N, C-alpha and C. Protein backbone atom coordinates (compact mmCIF):
# COMPACT_ATOMS: atom_id res chain seq x y z
N UNK A 1 -50.93 83.63 -33.62
CA UNK A 1 -51.63 82.45 -34.08
C UNK A 1 -51.01 81.22 -33.43
N UNK A 2 -51.83 80.46 -32.76
CA UNK A 2 -51.37 79.23 -32.13
C UNK A 2 -51.53 78.07 -33.10
N UNK A 3 -50.51 77.24 -33.13
CA UNK A 3 -50.55 76.05 -33.98
C UNK A 3 -50.42 74.85 -33.06
N UNK A 4 -51.40 73.98 -33.11
CA UNK A 4 -51.39 72.83 -32.24
C UNK A 4 -50.55 71.68 -32.79
N UNK A 5 -50.37 70.70 -31.94
CA UNK A 5 -49.58 69.52 -32.31
C UNK A 5 -50.16 68.82 -33.53
N UNK A 6 -51.47 68.73 -33.60
CA UNK A 6 -52.12 68.08 -34.75
C UNK A 6 -51.84 68.79 -36.05
N UNK A 7 -51.82 70.11 -36.01
CA UNK A 7 -51.54 70.89 -37.20
C UNK A 7 -50.10 70.69 -37.65
N UNK A 8 -49.16 70.68 -36.70
CA UNK A 8 -47.76 70.48 -37.05
C UNK A 8 -47.53 69.10 -37.65
N UNK A 9 -48.15 68.10 -37.11
CA UNK A 9 -47.95 66.76 -37.65
C UNK A 9 -48.54 66.66 -39.05
N UNK A 10 -49.63 67.37 -39.30
CA UNK A 10 -50.21 67.38 -40.65
C UNK A 10 -49.27 68.07 -41.62
N UNK A 11 -48.72 69.22 -41.20
CA UNK A 11 -47.78 69.96 -42.04
C UNK A 11 -46.54 69.11 -42.32
N UNK A 12 -46.02 68.47 -41.30
CA UNK A 12 -44.83 67.62 -41.47
C UNK A 12 -45.12 66.47 -42.42
N UNK A 13 -46.29 65.87 -42.28
CA UNK A 13 -46.66 64.76 -43.16
C UNK A 13 -46.73 65.22 -44.61
N UNK A 14 -47.27 66.40 -44.84
CA UNK A 14 -47.37 66.93 -46.20
C UNK A 14 -45.99 67.21 -46.77
N UNK A 15 -45.12 67.83 -45.97
CA UNK A 15 -43.76 68.14 -46.42
C UNK A 15 -42.99 66.85 -46.71
N UNK A 16 -43.07 65.88 -45.81
CA UNK A 16 -42.37 64.62 -46.02
C UNK A 16 -42.91 63.87 -47.24
N UNK A 17 -44.20 63.94 -47.47
CA UNK A 17 -44.78 63.31 -48.66
C UNK A 17 -44.23 63.95 -49.92
N UNK A 18 -44.11 65.27 -49.91
CA UNK A 18 -43.56 65.97 -51.05
C UNK A 18 -42.11 65.59 -51.31
N UNK A 19 -41.32 65.47 -50.24
CA UNK A 19 -39.93 65.07 -50.39
C UNK A 19 -39.84 63.65 -50.93
N UNK A 20 -40.65 62.75 -50.42
CA UNK A 20 -40.65 61.36 -50.90
C UNK A 20 -41.08 61.30 -52.36
N UNK A 21 -42.07 62.07 -52.71
CA UNK A 21 -42.53 62.09 -54.10
C UNK A 21 -41.45 62.63 -55.02
N UNK A 22 -40.73 63.66 -54.59
CA UNK A 22 -39.64 64.21 -55.39
C UNK A 22 -38.54 63.17 -55.58
N UNK A 23 -38.21 62.45 -54.53
CA UNK A 23 -37.18 61.41 -54.64
C UNK A 23 -37.63 60.30 -55.57
N UNK A 24 -38.88 59.90 -55.48
CA UNK A 24 -39.40 58.85 -56.36
C UNK A 24 -39.41 59.32 -57.81
N UNK A 25 -39.76 60.57 -58.05
CA UNK A 25 -39.77 61.10 -59.41
C UNK A 25 -38.37 61.14 -59.97
N UNK A 26 -37.39 61.55 -59.19
CA UNK A 26 -36.01 61.59 -59.66
C UNK A 26 -35.54 60.19 -59.99
N UNK A 27 -35.88 59.22 -59.16
CA UNK A 27 -35.50 57.84 -59.41
C UNK A 27 -36.17 57.31 -60.68
N UNK A 28 -37.44 57.61 -60.85
CA UNK A 28 -38.16 57.15 -62.04
C UNK A 28 -37.56 57.78 -63.28
N UNK A 29 -37.18 59.05 -63.20
CA UNK A 29 -36.58 59.72 -64.34
C UNK A 29 -35.27 59.05 -64.74
N UNK A 30 -34.47 58.66 -63.76
CA UNK A 30 -33.20 57.99 -64.05
C UNK A 30 -33.45 56.64 -64.73
N UNK A 31 -34.44 55.91 -64.27
CA UNK A 31 -34.80 54.64 -64.89
C UNK A 31 -35.29 54.85 -66.31
N UNK A 32 -36.16 55.83 -66.48
CA UNK A 32 -36.68 56.14 -67.81
C UNK A 32 -35.55 56.54 -68.75
N UNK A 33 -34.65 57.39 -68.26
CA UNK A 33 -33.53 57.84 -69.08
C UNK A 33 -32.64 56.67 -69.50
N UNK A 34 -32.37 55.76 -68.57
CA UNK A 34 -31.54 54.60 -68.89
C UNK A 34 -32.24 53.70 -69.91
N UNK A 35 -33.55 53.53 -69.76
CA UNK A 35 -34.31 52.71 -70.69
C UNK A 35 -34.28 53.32 -72.10
N UNK A 36 -34.55 54.60 -72.20
CA UNK A 36 -34.55 55.28 -73.50
C UNK A 36 -33.15 55.24 -74.12
N UNK A 37 -32.12 55.40 -73.30
CA UNK A 37 -30.74 55.33 -73.80
C UNK A 37 -30.41 53.94 -74.34
N UNK A 38 -30.91 52.91 -73.65
CA UNK A 38 -30.69 51.53 -74.13
C UNK A 38 -31.35 51.32 -75.49
N UNK A 39 -32.54 51.86 -75.66
CA UNK A 39 -33.22 51.75 -76.96
C UNK A 39 -32.45 52.51 -78.03
N UNK A 40 -32.00 53.70 -77.70
CA UNK A 40 -31.26 54.52 -78.67
C UNK A 40 -29.97 53.82 -79.10
N UNK A 41 -29.33 53.15 -78.16
CA UNK A 41 -28.08 52.43 -78.46
C UNK A 41 -28.31 51.36 -79.53
N UNK A 42 -29.49 50.77 -79.53
CA UNK A 42 -29.83 49.74 -80.52
C UNK A 42 -30.61 50.32 -81.71
N UNK A 43 -30.70 51.64 -81.76
CA UNK A 43 -31.42 52.36 -82.82
C UNK A 43 -32.89 51.95 -82.91
N UNK A 44 -33.49 51.80 -81.75
CA UNK A 44 -34.92 51.53 -81.67
C UNK A 44 -35.60 52.84 -81.34
N UNK A 45 -36.40 53.33 -82.28
CA UNK A 45 -36.99 54.66 -82.12
C UNK A 45 -38.50 54.58 -82.00
N UNK A 46 -39.04 55.43 -81.15
CA UNK A 46 -40.48 55.62 -81.01
C UNK A 46 -40.76 57.09 -81.27
N UNK A 47 -42.02 57.42 -81.46
CA UNK A 47 -42.41 58.81 -81.72
C UNK A 47 -41.90 59.74 -80.62
N UNK A 48 -41.98 59.29 -79.39
CA UNK A 48 -41.45 60.07 -78.27
C UNK A 48 -41.12 59.12 -77.12
N UNK A 49 -40.39 59.63 -76.16
CA UNK A 49 -39.95 58.81 -75.02
C UNK A 49 -41.12 58.30 -74.20
N UNK A 50 -42.13 59.11 -74.02
CA UNK A 50 -43.28 58.69 -73.21
C UNK A 50 -44.00 57.50 -73.83
N UNK A 51 -44.07 57.45 -75.15
CA UNK A 51 -44.69 56.31 -75.82
C UNK A 51 -43.88 55.05 -75.58
N UNK A 52 -42.58 55.15 -75.73
CA UNK A 52 -41.71 53.99 -75.50
C UNK A 52 -41.85 53.47 -74.08
N UNK A 53 -41.88 54.38 -73.13
CA UNK A 53 -42.01 54.00 -71.72
C UNK A 53 -43.37 53.37 -71.45
N UNK A 54 -44.41 53.91 -72.04
CA UNK A 54 -45.76 53.35 -71.88
C UNK A 54 -45.83 51.94 -72.47
N UNK A 55 -45.23 51.74 -73.63
CA UNK A 55 -45.21 50.41 -74.25
C UNK A 55 -44.43 49.44 -73.36
N UNK A 56 -43.34 49.90 -72.77
CA UNK A 56 -42.56 49.05 -71.87
C UNK A 56 -43.40 48.60 -70.68
N UNK A 57 -44.19 49.49 -70.13
CA UNK A 57 -45.06 49.12 -69.00
C UNK A 57 -46.14 48.15 -69.47
N UNK A 58 -46.60 48.29 -70.69
CA UNK A 58 -47.57 47.35 -71.26
C UNK A 58 -46.94 45.97 -71.40
N UNK A 59 -45.69 45.92 -71.84
CA UNK A 59 -44.97 44.65 -71.94
C UNK A 59 -44.93 43.98 -70.57
N UNK A 60 -44.59 44.74 -69.55
CA UNK A 60 -44.54 44.17 -68.20
C UNK A 60 -45.91 43.64 -67.77
N UNK A 61 -46.95 44.37 -68.07
CA UNK A 61 -48.30 43.94 -67.70
C UNK A 61 -48.69 42.66 -68.43
N UNK A 62 -48.18 42.48 -69.64
CA UNK A 62 -48.53 41.28 -70.41
C UNK A 62 -47.94 40.02 -69.80
N UNK A 63 -46.85 40.15 -69.04
CA UNK A 63 -46.29 38.98 -68.37
C UNK A 63 -47.23 38.46 -67.29
N UNK A 64 -48.20 39.26 -66.86
CA UNK A 64 -49.19 38.80 -65.89
C UNK A 64 -50.13 37.77 -66.50
N UNK A 65 -50.30 37.82 -67.83
CA UNK A 65 -51.26 36.93 -68.48
C UNK A 65 -50.61 35.83 -69.31
N UNK A 66 -49.31 35.93 -69.56
CA UNK A 66 -48.64 34.88 -70.33
C UNK A 66 -47.23 34.67 -69.80
N UNK A 67 -46.76 33.45 -69.89
CA UNK A 67 -45.39 33.13 -69.50
C UNK A 67 -44.46 33.12 -70.70
N UNK A 68 -44.97 33.40 -71.88
CA UNK A 68 -44.18 33.32 -73.09
C UNK A 68 -43.78 34.69 -73.60
N UNK A 69 -42.50 34.99 -73.54
CA UNK A 69 -42.04 36.27 -74.08
C UNK A 69 -42.18 36.28 -75.60
N UNK A 70 -42.19 35.10 -76.22
CA UNK A 70 -42.39 35.02 -77.67
C UNK A 70 -43.75 35.54 -78.09
N UNK A 71 -44.76 35.25 -77.30
CA UNK A 71 -46.11 35.75 -77.57
C UNK A 71 -46.12 37.27 -77.47
N UNK A 72 -45.45 37.78 -76.45
CA UNK A 72 -45.38 39.23 -76.26
C UNK A 72 -44.60 39.87 -77.42
N UNK A 73 -43.52 39.22 -77.86
CA UNK A 73 -42.73 39.75 -78.99
C UNK A 73 -43.57 39.81 -80.26
N UNK A 74 -44.34 38.79 -80.52
CA UNK A 74 -45.19 38.78 -81.72
C UNK A 74 -46.24 39.90 -81.64
N UNK A 75 -46.82 40.10 -80.48
CA UNK A 75 -47.80 41.19 -80.31
C UNK A 75 -47.12 42.55 -80.49
N UNK A 76 -45.93 42.68 -79.94
CA UNK A 76 -45.19 43.93 -80.07
C UNK A 76 -44.86 44.22 -81.54
N UNK A 77 -44.48 43.19 -82.28
CA UNK A 77 -44.21 43.36 -83.71
C UNK A 77 -45.47 43.80 -84.44
N UNK A 78 -46.60 43.21 -84.07
CA UNK A 78 -47.87 43.54 -84.72
C UNK A 78 -48.30 44.98 -84.42
N UNK A 79 -48.08 45.42 -83.18
CA UNK A 79 -48.55 46.73 -82.74
C UNK A 79 -47.59 47.87 -83.06
N UNK A 80 -46.36 47.55 -83.41
CA UNK A 80 -45.35 48.57 -83.72
C UNK A 80 -44.70 48.20 -85.05
N UNK A 81 -43.70 48.96 -85.43
CA UNK A 81 -42.95 48.61 -86.63
C UNK A 81 -41.60 47.99 -86.29
N UNK A 82 -41.49 47.38 -85.11
CA UNK A 82 -40.25 46.76 -84.69
C UNK A 82 -40.07 45.39 -85.34
N UNK A 83 -38.83 45.05 -85.63
CA UNK A 83 -38.51 43.72 -86.13
C UNK A 83 -38.54 42.74 -84.95
N UNK A 84 -38.38 41.47 -85.26
CA UNK A 84 -38.36 40.47 -84.19
C UNK A 84 -37.18 40.72 -83.26
N UNK A 85 -36.03 41.00 -83.84
CA UNK A 85 -34.83 41.25 -83.03
C UNK A 85 -35.03 42.48 -82.15
N UNK A 86 -35.58 43.55 -82.71
CA UNK A 86 -35.84 44.76 -81.94
C UNK A 86 -36.88 44.50 -80.85
N UNK A 87 -37.90 43.72 -81.18
CA UNK A 87 -38.94 43.38 -80.19
C UNK A 87 -38.34 42.62 -79.02
N UNK A 88 -37.48 41.67 -79.32
CA UNK A 88 -36.82 40.90 -78.27
C UNK A 88 -35.96 41.78 -77.38
N UNK A 89 -35.22 42.68 -78.01
CA UNK A 89 -34.39 43.61 -77.22
C UNK A 89 -35.28 44.52 -76.38
N UNK A 90 -36.35 45.01 -76.99
CA UNK A 90 -37.27 45.91 -76.28
C UNK A 90 -37.85 45.20 -75.05
N UNK A 91 -38.24 43.95 -75.21
CA UNK A 91 -38.78 43.19 -74.08
C UNK A 91 -37.73 43.04 -72.99
N UNK A 92 -36.51 42.70 -73.38
CA UNK A 92 -35.44 42.56 -72.39
C UNK A 92 -35.16 43.86 -71.66
N UNK A 93 -35.12 44.96 -72.40
CA UNK A 93 -34.88 46.27 -71.78
C UNK A 93 -36.04 46.66 -70.87
N UNK A 94 -37.26 46.34 -71.29
CA UNK A 94 -38.45 46.66 -70.48
C UNK A 94 -38.41 45.90 -69.17
N UNK A 95 -38.13 44.61 -69.25
CA UNK A 95 -38.08 43.78 -68.04
C UNK A 95 -36.95 44.26 -67.12
N UNK A 96 -35.81 44.54 -67.71
CA UNK A 96 -34.67 45.01 -66.92
C UNK A 96 -34.98 46.32 -66.19
N UNK A 97 -35.64 47.23 -66.89
CA UNK A 97 -35.90 48.55 -66.31
C UNK A 97 -37.11 48.58 -65.38
N UNK A 98 -38.20 47.93 -65.78
CA UNK A 98 -39.48 48.16 -65.10
C UNK A 98 -40.08 46.96 -64.38
N UNK A 99 -39.68 45.76 -64.74
CA UNK A 99 -40.27 44.60 -64.06
C UNK A 99 -39.27 43.44 -63.97
N UNK A 100 -38.19 43.65 -63.22
CA UNK A 100 -37.16 42.62 -63.12
C UNK A 100 -37.65 41.31 -62.51
N UNK A 101 -38.82 41.33 -61.89
CA UNK A 101 -39.37 40.09 -61.34
C UNK A 101 -39.70 39.08 -62.43
N UNK A 102 -39.75 39.52 -63.70
CA UNK A 102 -40.08 38.63 -64.81
C UNK A 102 -38.86 38.17 -65.60
N UNK A 103 -37.66 38.40 -65.10
CA UNK A 103 -36.46 38.01 -65.83
C UNK A 103 -36.48 36.53 -66.19
N UNK A 104 -36.92 35.69 -65.31
CA UNK A 104 -36.95 34.26 -65.56
C UNK A 104 -37.98 33.81 -66.59
N UNK A 105 -38.86 34.70 -67.00
CA UNK A 105 -39.90 34.34 -67.97
C UNK A 105 -39.50 34.60 -69.42
N UNK A 106 -38.36 35.22 -69.64
CA UNK A 106 -37.91 35.47 -71.01
C UNK A 106 -37.40 34.15 -71.58
N UNK A 107 -37.96 33.76 -72.71
CA UNK A 107 -37.60 32.47 -73.31
C UNK A 107 -37.05 32.67 -74.73
N UNK A 108 -36.70 31.58 -75.36
CA UNK A 108 -36.16 31.61 -76.72
C UNK A 108 -37.17 31.05 -77.72
N UNK A 109 -38.44 31.21 -77.46
CA UNK A 109 -39.46 30.56 -78.28
C UNK A 109 -39.58 31.11 -79.69
N UNK A 110 -39.02 32.26 -79.97
CA UNK A 110 -39.12 32.82 -81.33
C UNK A 110 -37.81 32.71 -82.10
N UNK A 111 -36.82 32.02 -81.57
CA UNK A 111 -35.53 31.91 -82.26
C UNK A 111 -35.66 31.33 -83.66
N UNK A 112 -36.63 30.48 -83.87
CA UNK A 112 -36.78 29.85 -85.19
C UNK A 112 -37.13 30.89 -86.25
N UNK A 113 -37.63 32.05 -85.87
CA UNK A 113 -37.98 33.09 -86.83
C UNK A 113 -36.77 33.92 -87.27
N UNK A 114 -35.70 33.87 -86.51
CA UNK A 114 -34.54 34.69 -86.83
C UNK A 114 -33.74 34.09 -87.98
N UNK A 115 -33.27 34.93 -88.90
CA UNK A 115 -32.44 34.42 -89.98
C UNK A 115 -31.06 34.05 -89.44
N UNK A 116 -30.42 33.12 -90.08
CA UNK A 116 -29.08 32.74 -89.66
C UNK A 116 -29.08 31.49 -88.82
N UNK A 117 -27.92 31.15 -88.28
CA UNK A 117 -27.81 29.92 -87.48
C UNK A 117 -28.62 30.04 -86.19
N UNK A 118 -29.09 28.91 -85.67
CA UNK A 118 -29.89 28.94 -84.44
C UNK A 118 -29.06 29.48 -83.27
N UNK A 119 -29.72 30.20 -82.38
CA UNK A 119 -29.09 30.71 -81.19
C UNK A 119 -29.12 29.65 -80.11
N UNK A 120 -28.10 29.57 -79.35
CA UNK A 120 -28.04 28.60 -78.26
C UNK A 120 -28.15 29.28 -76.94
């Protein structure tokens, strides 16, 4: 059986795509694991890891429509059973893990809702 140059390049492209996909999956798994571990450290629990990760991606998508992390925190509180403090941490962890381009958009607009002395 003769295999032409075109066939070999197609085979190589498929193999290289598979290797790249495997590397991307391993990287994504490490990010997901670190994100879930950060939530666990703060005792923030979801029904399963995939739900937490999906909500984190939703948080990132919400930064496309608003510049206020406080608005996102209030929505997160409404949609989950997280407290304000947990919502704020969740947003920070989400941005850190999945959308670091939005780090500058995290604000202190909901500090007035927190009990205790004002945060500076």
